[in-house]
Amino acid sequence: MASIKDVAAEAGTSVATVSRVLNSHPSVSPAARARVIAAIESLGYRPNAVARSLRTDQTRTLGLVISDVLNPYFTALARSVEEAARALGYSVIIGNADERPELQDHHVRTLLDRRIDGLLVSPADGGTPLLLDTARAGTPMVFVDRWIPGADVPVVRADGREAIRDLVAHLHAVGHRRLAIIAGPAATTTGSERVEAFREALASYGIPLPDSYIGQGDFQADSGRRATERFLSLPEPPHVIFAADNLMALGALDAIRARGLRVPDDIALAAFDDIPWFVHTDPPITAIAQPTGDLGRAAVQALVDRIEGRSPRSVTLPARLVVRRSCGESPTDQRSNT
């Protein structure tokens, strides 16, 4: 990657002049400033995107790029990250990718330019070249919730496979046999993992998952609504819709009610990513809960370990099934599982 000396050579100035431009010093002439800025853009220079061993200072600031700040799961995750970082003497700057890889990269560049000490990222897709280049450059980084397979970056996440098996076992015990899923984007690890875990759990009971019972979502409410409308229009609609995140579940609930149908009398509904709102819906929604607070704390500790020269391991925590009344459960089932 380009160095500050490369920028100075390209701009025809001294390294000191480049440094003054980077620090917005008023003593630099407009012409020199323009040449330096042009050189920075031409070379793709980032003053902080170098190996930690070459850095001589710290800002005590961490960057957090989350997939969607409007998703209550990521809001809770961001809060736990901020609290854990503050306890260790760090501040946090948050960027919202809005499930868009290009916006994610914009936030990563901005955070790197602000000389953060380390970066927490929940990738918005299967991994952009910028994220991989940033990891290779030595920037301390930890993936949280989602990850890029093959990248040499610690991952802090929840394993939902066992909880999904518990959900399918529960639905089977209640009597449901036609089960559909609204899946997240296949390019994300959580999107692909949850649908495969669901398929495997169904197979253990000899229940198929036909293509017509897989709705492709994007972790947004509108996609949950559209997928549910399609399910309800099938000649044999499913008995249960399992939404692979909370926002898609809320979209599914909207679509069910728009048809004049009731949960769970006409169709059952379950969700991944439990949120406080689910206890207030009618009926309360059966969901898989992730240990958000523990994830945030573990992610911050892993990142600080990397910043301070230690070698953190990836952390995988269990998710758990929370049974309520949206799948036809009895009151006894709800009391024994909440």
Protein backbone atom coordinates (compact mmCIF):
# COMPACT_ATOMS: atom_id res chain seq x y z
CA MET A 1 0.00 0.00 0.00
CA ALA A 2 1.09 3.58 -0.63
CA SER A 3 3.11 5.34 2.07
CA ILE A 4 3.23 9.00 3.05
CA LYS A 5 6.58 9.20 1.21
CA ASP A 6 4.89 7.97 -1.97
CA VAL A 7 2.28 10.68 -1.62
CA ALA A 8 4.98 13.34 -1.13
CA ALA A 9 6.85 12.14 -4.21
CA GLU A 10 3.68 12.05 -6.32
CA ALA A 11 2.67 15.56 -5.20
CA GLY A 12 6.20 17.00 -5.49
CA THR A 13 6.17 18.15 -1.86
CA SER A 14 7.85 17.18 1.39
CA VAL A 15 6.55 14.56 3.80
CA ALA A 16 6.01 17.38 6.31
CA THR A 17 3.71 19.14 3.85
CA VAL A 18 1.68 15.98 3.34
CA SER A 19 1.40 15.59 7.11
CA ARG A 20 0.19 19.17 7.48
CA VAL A 21 -2.49 18.57 4.81
CA LEU A 22 -3.63 15.41 6.57
CA ASN A 23 -3.94 17.36 9.82
CA SER A 24 -5.67 20.36 8.16
CA HIS A 25 -2.86 22.74 9.08
CA PRO A 26 -3.59 26.25 7.72
CA SER A 27 0.00 26.96 6.69
CA VAL A 28 -0.21 24.90 3.47
CA SER A 29 -0.86 26.88 0.28
CA PRO A 30 -4.01 26.05 -1.73
CA ALA A 31 -1.92 24.84 -4.67
CA ALA A 32 0.18 22.49 -2.54
CA ARG A 33 -2.92 21.23 -0.74
CA ALA A 34 -4.59 20.46 -4.08
CA ARG A 35 -1.55 18.50 -5.29
CA VAL A 36 -1.40 16.48 -2.09
CA ILE A 37 -5.12 15.67 -2.17
CA ALA A 38 -4.85 14.62 -5.81
CA ALA A 39 -1.90 12.36 -4.96
CA ILE A 40 -3.78 10.80 -2.05
CA GLU A 41 -6.74 10.01 -4.27
CA SER A 42 -4.55 8.76 -7.10
CA LEU A 43 -2.55 6.39 -4.88
CA GLY A 44 -5.45 5.34 -2.67
CA TYR A 45 -3.42 6.32 0.38
CA ARG A 46 -4.92 5.87 3.84
CA PRO A 47 -2.77 7.14 6.68
CA ASN A 48 -3.94 4.50 9.13
CA ALA A 49 -4.39 1.46 6.91
CA VAL A 50 -0.98 -0.02 7.70
CA ALA A 51 0.20 -2.73 9.98
CA ARG A 52 -0.13 -2.07 13.67
CA SER A 53 3.58 -2.57 14.16
CA LEU A 54 4.26 0.53 12.10
CA ARG A 55 1.94 2.72 14.14
CA THR A 56 3.35 4.89 16.85
CA ASP A 57 0.19 6.21 18.46
CA GLN A 58 -3.34 5.19 19.46
CA THR A 59 -6.60 7.07 19.45
CA ARG A 60 -8.38 4.78 21.97
CA THR A 61 -11.20 4.63 19.44
CA LEU A 62 -12.86 1.58 17.88
CA GLY A 63 -14.94 1.48 14.71
CA LEU A 64 -18.14 -0.56 14.47
CA VAL A 65 -19.83 -1.14 11.11
CA ILE A 66 -23.19 -2.86 11.55
CA SER A 67 -25.49 -4.19 8.86
CA ASP A 68 -28.66 -2.29 9.79
CA VAL A 69 -29.06 0.12 12.69
CA LEU A 70 -32.87 -0.10 12.39
CA ASN A 71 -32.76 -3.82 13.15
CA PRO A 72 -33.32 -4.12 16.92
CA TYR A 73 -30.81 -6.97 17.11
CA PHE A 74 -28.00 -4.79 15.75
CA THR A 75 -29.13 -1.84 17.87
CA ALA A 76 -28.77 -3.99 20.99
CA LEU A 77 -25.45 -5.33 19.73
CA ALA A 78 -24.12 -1.81 19.17
CA ARG A 79 -25.15 -0.82 22.69
CA SER A 80 -23.35 -3.78 24.23
CA VAL A 81 -20.23 -3.02 22.15
CA GLU A 82 -20.24 0.61 23.27
CA GLU A 83 -20.66 -0.33 26.94
CA ALA A 84 -17.89 -2.94 26.81
CA ALA A 85 -15.52 -0.59 24.99
CA ARG A 86 -16.17 2.23 27.45
CA ALA A 87 -15.37 -0.09 30.34
CA LEU A 88 -11.96 -0.72 28.75
CA GLY A 89 -11.28 2.95 28.08
CA TYR A 90 -12.25 3.08 24.41
CA SER A 91 -14.78 5.14 22.48
CA VAL A 92 -16.79 3.73 19.56
CA ILE A 93 -17.70 5.30 16.22
CA ILE A 94 -20.63 3.51 14.53
CA GLY A 95 -21.36 3.23 10.81
CA ASN A 96 -24.66 1.86 9.46
CA ALA A 97 -24.25 -0.15 6.24
CA ASP A 98 -28.02 -0.47 5.68
CA GLU A 99 -27.31 -3.95 4.19
CA ARG A 100 -25.44 -2.26 1.30
CA PRO A 101 -21.84 -3.34 0.58
CA GLU A 102 -20.92 0.00 -1.01
CA LEU A 103 -22.12 1.91 2.06
CA GLN A 104 -20.27 -0.53 4.29
CA ASP A 105 -17.04 0.22 2.38
CA HIS A 106 -17.66 3.95 2.69
CA HIS A 107 -17.85 3.63 6.47
CA VAL A 108 -14.77 1.43 6.61
CA ARG A 109 -12.75 3.99 4.64
CA THR A 110 -14.02 6.83 6.81
CA LEU A 111 -13.19 4.99 10.02
CA LEU A 112 -9.71 4.11 8.79
CA ASP A 113 -9.11 7.74 7.87
CA ARG A 114 -10.09 8.71 11.41
CA ARG A 115 -7.23 6.56 12.70
CA ILE A 116 -9.26 4.13 14.74
CA ASP A 117 -7.27 1.55 16.68
CA GLY A 118 -9.40 -1.38 15.53
CA LEU A 119 -12.48 -2.33 13.56
CA LEU A 120 -15.55 -4.46 14.33
CA VAL A 121 -17.57 -5.41 11.24
CA SER A 122 -20.72 -7.39 10.54
CA PRO A 123 -20.26 -7.85 6.77
CA ALA A 124 -23.19 -6.79 4.60
CA ASP A 125 -22.38 -9.47 2.01
CA GLY A 126 -19.90 -12.24 1.30
CA GLY A 127 -16.95 -9.86 1.63
CA THR A 128 -15.72 -6.91 -0.40
CA PRO A 129 -12.12 -6.50 -1.60
CA LEU A 130 -11.72 -3.52 0.74
CA LEU A 131 -12.49 -5.60 3.84
CA LEU A 132 -10.05 -8.29 2.78
CA ASP A 133 -7.35 -5.73 1.93
CA THR A 134 -7.86 -4.02 5.28
CA ALA A 135 -7.40 -7.32 7.10
CA ARG A 136 -4.28 -8.18 5.08
CA ALA A 137 -2.80 -4.74 5.79
CA GLY A 138 -2.67 -5.60 9.48
CA THR A 139 -5.51 -3.42 10.74
CA PRO A 140 -6.83 -5.05 13.94
CA MET A 141 -10.24 -6.41 12.99
CA VAL A 142 -12.91 -8.74 14.36
CA PHE A 143 -16.02 -9.98 12.57
CA VAL A 144 -19.16 -10.04 14.71
CA ASP A 145 -22.37 -11.97 13.93
CA ARG A 146 -21.40 -12.47 10.27
CA TRP A 147 -18.02 -13.29 8.79
CA ILE A 148 -16.08 -13.80 5.56
CA PRO A 149 -15.11 -17.46 5.11
CA GLY A 150 -11.38 -17.89 4.66
CA ALA A 151 -10.41 -14.47 6.00
CA ASP A 152 -7.78 -14.53 8.73
CA VAL A 153 -9.94 -12.55 11.14
CA PRO A 154 -11.38 -13.68 14.50
CA VAL A 155 -15.15 -14.20 14.47
CA VAL A 156 -17.52 -13.66 17.39
CA ARG A 157 -20.95 -15.09 16.65
CA ALA A 158 -23.86 -17.15 17.88
CA ASP A 159 -24.44 -20.66 16.55
CA GLY A 160 -28.12 -20.98 15.74
CA ARG A 161 -28.08 -24.54 14.40
CA GLU A 162 -28.99 -26.24 17.66
CA ALA A 163 -31.73 -23.69 18.37
CA ILE A 164 -33.14 -24.21 14.86
CA ARG A 165 -33.19 -27.97 15.50
CA ASP A 166 -35.03 -27.28 18.75
CA LEU A 167 -37.53 -25.11 16.89
CA VAL A 168 -38.24 -27.77 14.25
CA ALA A 169 -38.61 -30.42 16.96
CA HIS A 170 -41.04 -28.13 18.77
CA LEU A 171 -43.06 -27.43 15.63
CA HIS A 172 -43.18 -31.14 14.81
CA ALA A 173 -44.40 -31.92 18.33
CA VAL A 174 -47.14 -29.32 18.00
CA GLY A 175 -48.27 -31.09 14.82
CA HIS A 176 -46.97 -28.94 11.98
CA ARG A 177 -45.71 -30.69 8.83
CA ARG A 178 -45.62 -28.05 6.09
CA LEU A 179 -42.89 -25.63 7.12
CA ALA A 180 -41.57 -22.70 5.07
CA ILE A 181 -38.67 -20.31 5.62
CA ILE A 182 -38.00 -16.71 4.66
CA ALA A 183 -34.24 -16.85 4.17
CA GLY A 184 -31.73 -14.04 4.42
CA PRO A 185 -29.35 -13.14 1.57
CA ALA A 186 -27.42 -16.21 0.42
CA ALA A 187 -24.25 -14.09 0.17
CA THR A 188 -24.23 -13.59 3.95
CA THR A 189 -23.03 -16.36 6.23
CA THR A 190 -26.05 -16.03 8.51
CA GLY A 191 -28.40 -16.12 5.52
CA SER A 192 -26.99 -19.34 4.11
CA GLU A 193 -26.36 -21.01 7.48
CA ARG A 194 -29.91 -20.60 8.79
CA VAL A 195 -31.64 -22.00 5.73
CA GLU A 196 -29.28 -24.99 5.62
CA ALA A 197 -29.79 -25.66 9.33
CA PHE A 198 -33.55 -25.50 8.79
CA ARG A 199 -33.35 -27.89 5.84
CA GLU A 200 -31.22 -30.36 7.83
CA ALA A 201 -33.54 -30.22 10.83
CA LEU A 202 -36.57 -30.91 8.64
CA ALA A 203 -34.78 -33.82 6.96
CA SER A 204 -34.23 -35.46 10.35
CA TYR A 205 -38.03 -35.81 10.55
CA GLY A 206 -38.41 -36.86 6.93
CA ILE A 207 -39.94 -33.50 6.01
CA PRO A 208 -38.86 -31.99 2.67
CA LEU A 209 -38.21 -28.31 2.03
CA PRO A 210 -39.45 -27.68 -1.52
CA ASP A 211 -38.28 -24.59 -3.40
CA SER A 212 -41.81 -23.18 -3.16
CA TYR A 213 -41.41 -23.08 0.62
CA ILE A 214 -38.21 -21.02 0.49
CA GLY A 215 -38.74 -17.27 0.29
CA GLN A 216 -35.70 -15.18 -0.57
CA GLY A 217 -35.47 -12.21 1.78
CA ASP A 218 -32.94 -9.50 2.52
CA PHE A 219 -33.30 -9.12 6.31
CA GLN A 220 -35.77 -6.25 5.71
CA ALA A 221 -39.49 -6.17 6.53
CA ASP A 222 -40.65 -5.65 2.93
CA SER A 223 -39.01 -8.87 1.80
CA GLY A 224 -40.75 -10.75 4.60
CA ARG A 225 -44.05 -9.29 3.47
CA ARG A 226 -43.50 -10.25 -0.18
CA ALA A 227 -42.38 -13.79 0.62
CA THR A 228 -45.39 -14.35 2.87
CA GLU A 229 -47.81 -13.09 0.24
CA ARG A 230 -46.36 -15.68 -2.14
CA PHE A 231 -46.61 -18.46 0.44
CA LEU A 232 -50.25 -17.63 1.14
CA SER A 233 -51.06 -17.76 -2.58
CA LEU A 234 -49.79 -21.33 -3.01
CA PRO A 235 -52.30 -24.14 -3.63
CA GLU A 236 -51.03 -25.68 -0.40
CA PRO A 237 -49.83 -22.86 1.85
CA PRO A 238 -47.41 -23.82 4.62
CA HIS A 239 -48.58 -24.50 8.16
CA VAL A 240 -45.66 -22.46 9.56
CA ILE A 241 -43.53 -19.58 8.34
CA PHE A 242 -40.09 -19.31 9.93
CA ALA A 243 -38.54 -15.90 9.27
CA ALA A 244 -34.74 -15.90 9.48
CA ASP A 245 -34.66 -12.52 11.21
CA ASN A 246 -36.97 -10.30 13.25
CA LEU A 247 -37.72 -7.62 10.64
CA MET A 248 -38.76 -10.22 8.06
CA ALA A 249 -40.98 -11.77 10.74
CA LEU A 250 -42.73 -8.43 11.28
CA GLY A 251 -43.22 -8.11 7.52
CA ALA A 252 -44.69 -11.62 7.47
CA LEU A 253 -47.07 -10.71 10.27
CA ASP A 254 -48.24 -7.67 8.29
CA ALA A 255 -48.96 -9.83 5.24
CA ILE A 256 -50.85 -12.42 7.26
CA ARG A 257 -53.05 -9.79 8.87
CA ALA A 258 -53.62 -8.06 5.51
CA ARG A 259 -55.24 -11.30 4.31
CA GLY A 260 -57.58 -11.28 7.30
CA LEU A 261 -55.82 -14.34 8.74
CA ARG A 262 -54.88 -14.97 12.34
CA VAL A 263 -51.72 -16.32 13.95
CA PRO A 264 -51.62 -19.17 14.89
CA ASP A 265 -55.21 -20.21 14.04
CA ASP A 266 -54.71 -19.91 10.26
CA ILE A 267 -50.93 -20.03 10.01
CA ALA A 268 -48.11 -20.21 12.55
CA LEU A 269 -45.14 -17.84 12.69
CA ALA A 270 -41.68 -18.13 14.26
CA ALA A 271 -38.57 -15.96 13.97
CA PHE A 272 -34.83 -15.87 14.39
CA ASP A 273 -33.48 -12.96 16.51
CA ASP A 274 -35.81 -12.44 19.44
CA ILE A 275 -36.63 -8.81 20.27
CA PRO A 276 -38.53 -7.19 23.15
CA TRP A 277 -41.45 -6.34 20.85
CA PHE A 278 -42.30 -10.01 20.32
CA VAL A 279 -43.80 -10.37 23.80
CA HIS A 280 -46.22 -7.54 22.99
CA THR A 281 -47.63 -8.89 19.70
CA ASP A 282 -50.90 -10.80 19.67
CA PRO A 283 -50.03 -13.59 20.05
CA PRO A 284 -46.46 -13.30 21.41
CA ILE A 285 -44.02 -14.69 18.85
CA THR A 286 -41.95 -17.84 19.33
CA ALA A 287 -38.36 -16.92 18.48
CA ILE A 288 -34.70 -17.85 18.64
CA ALA A 289 -32.75 -15.51 20.90
CA GLN A 290 -29.08 -14.66 20.50
CA PRO A 291 -26.92 -13.66 23.52
CA THR A 292 -26.47 -10.11 22.27
CA GLY A 293 -24.80 -8.68 25.34
CA ASP A 294 -22.29 -11.52 25.55
CA LEU A 295 -21.54 -11.20 21.84
CA GLY A 296 -20.80 -7.50 22.15
CA ARG A 297 -18.54 -7.96 25.15
CA ALA A 298 -16.67 -10.88 23.58
CA ALA A 299 -16.17 -8.97 20.31
CA VAL A 300 -14.72 -5.93 22.06
CA GLN A 301 -12.39 -8.06 24.18
CA ALA A 302 -11.17 -9.94 21.11
CA LEU A 303 -10.49 -6.68 19.27
CA VAL A 304 -8.66 -5.09 22.21
CA ASP A 305 -6.58 -8.26 22.50
CA ARG A 306 -5.53 -7.84 18.88
CA ILE A 307 -4.78 -4.15 19.36
CA GLU A 308 -2.59 -4.94 22.37
CA GLY A 309 -0.66 -7.66 20.58
CA ARG A 310 -2.38 -10.75 21.88
CA SER A 311 -3.86 -13.49 19.67
CA PRO A 312 -7.58 -13.86 20.37
CA ARG A 313 -9.53 -16.92 19.31
CA SER A 314 -12.87 -16.91 17.59
CA VAL A 315 -15.84 -17.17 19.95
CA THR A 316 -19.05 -19.08 19.26
CA LEU A 317 -21.93 -18.77 21.71
CA PRO A 318 -25.21 -20.73 21.70
CA ALA A 319 -28.56 -19.28 20.68
CA ARG A 320 -31.71 -20.57 22.38
CA LEU A 321 -35.34 -21.19 21.55
CA VAL A 322 -37.95 -19.07 23.34
CA VAL A 323 -41.40 -20.65 23.06
CA ARG A 324 -44.43 -18.37 23.22
CA ARG A 325 -47.84 -18.74 21.50
CA SER A 326 -47.47 -17.97 17.78
CA CYS A 327 -47.19 -21.62 16.71
CA GLY A 328 -50.20 -23.07 18.49
CA GLU A 329 -48.45 -23.77 21.78
CA SER A 330 -50.30 -24.51 24.96
CA PRO A 331 -49.91 -22.21 27.98
CA THR A 332 -47.79 -24.94 29.62
CA ASP A 333 -45.35 -24.89 26.68
CA GLN A 334 -44.94 -21.14 27.01
CA ARG A 335 -44.31 -21.19 30.75
CA SER A 336 -41.70 -23.93 30.46
CA ASN A 337 -39.62 -22.24 27.77
CA THR A 338 -39.59 -18.47 28.34
